[in-house]
């Protein structure tokens, strides 16, 4: 009976996460990660595909989720993974929230506010609640670890963070670094040493945490073993400057937000969150747990600041800078700043009672705590203002949840696929290709169409999204991108300039037989008017399949 309120709270937070993350399958990264997971367990799934056959960087995740693809369809695996991830995230969120706000319902409001701030207040592209991928599993353990941290259980914190790094070495690794920085700050700030234990007492847990990271850390370190160092340097620059500047390069992130009116508000909200966080932290703290949360968020912001400092040298020392920035310095703050603001804003509005320290108080600590309480008593309390702010938070969260719910009940194509009007023709083409070709057949597909393998089970030469993790294959990926999608086109002044071609018809026709021979390809898939001069083996109202290897083939019958 006593657990019913907690279970209800978890269920309601799960419902919020479901409403927020329930995009049509497959979502942005699901075709990428689940395709890898399926190939990990069954090499006969798209055998020989360039991306799926590249070295794995998230082996524990593929091991845990991939076996489901042997039993269920890819769509069923995606929904199963989503439900499990969101439910565990809801449990972790409630556990963290109750460490700060031990009052029923506050976790629901803070979760709604968190998803709202994550949607509109991030600049480096990070997210927590979404499709099935390694980082979702990692953030489950990170949130549980933060729940232990605010309760001053550091040994459990390190072990849980180790599990997080096992599933995603970047997410869990930076969470471990932030915890280490938070511990250092607490040891320096807290003269009584009650907010953080000694290093010696944590040493066994730190060793266990390190051992837990090895299943992810070792494969990541082995990706480029034996690779030419110059190739690794080139791959780092390609990753940071060409493929992922919107995640890795702060100067590029800010420039993109400044130039694009659609995402400029995100930069403004992010700046407002920094201001709001500092204002929230200017108030007297309510508990020791409150202090540890504040310090942890500031530790994440220190990592952000370190990345910004490194970014300053991008012009003068590009090799050194790109070799460091490839580790995603800015994305932990994308999570921790909205998380901290959401929980602290609800805390300020609800003014919870002081939570007793978890440590045995000495006379000196009791005196320190008594002085702290006296300072709180003279602090001006304005319940009317708090009630207005609470109503504002509830209103903003309610509007956010409403719009998310309207999106869920409105039919839509997956964000990975063509727009809704072209989605079903795309599905038709993919399923027809599966019906009339053998496993292992390779296709050239449009630059950003990432779900061909998901629906057809057939290989693709390359897509922009499906980027290998190792330097050797990353270089080959870039060569394929350049070969298939780049060339010289006249600009508005008639001058030939090199860049990405808008359609395959802009490519010189003689290049297609060369592509076919180089990559072992027979077929090219595109919009109906994107290519001419080659035999069409299938066509529907939007898409066509051309045979480009010089051979003739009877047209595929309609399904």
Foldseek 3Di string as FASTA:
>chain_A
DVCVLVVVQLVLLLVLLCLLAVFPPPADCLLQAQLLLQCVVPCLLLNPFLLSPAFDQQVVLSVVQSVVVVPDASRVSFVVQLSVLSSLQSNLLSLQLCLQVVDRPLSSLLSLLLSVCLVQAFQQPDDARYTDALQSVLVSLLSNLLSCLLLQNNLSNLLSLLLSLSRPVLLSVLSVQLLVQLQVVCPVPPPVCQNHHDPVVNVVSNVNSVVSNCNNVVSLVPQCVPPDPVLVLVLLCCVCPPQRVSNQAVVVSQVVLVVDVVNVSNPVNNVVLVVLLVVLVVDQAQESSSVSLNSSLVSLVVLVVVLVVLNVCCPPCVSVSSVPSVSRSRHVNSNSSSSNSSSSLSCLLVVDHRDDRPDDDDPVNVVVVVVSVVVVVPDDDDNVVSVVSVVVSVVVSVVSSVVSNVSSPDDWDHPQADGPVCRVVLLQVLCLLLVPDDRNAEEEEDARNSCSCSRRSHHYNAHSVSAHSHSVSNVVNVVSCCLQFWDWDQDPVGDTDIDGDPAQCVPPLVSLLVVCVVRVHFKYKDFPPRDDDFDWQDDDPTMTIGGNNPDDDHHRDGD
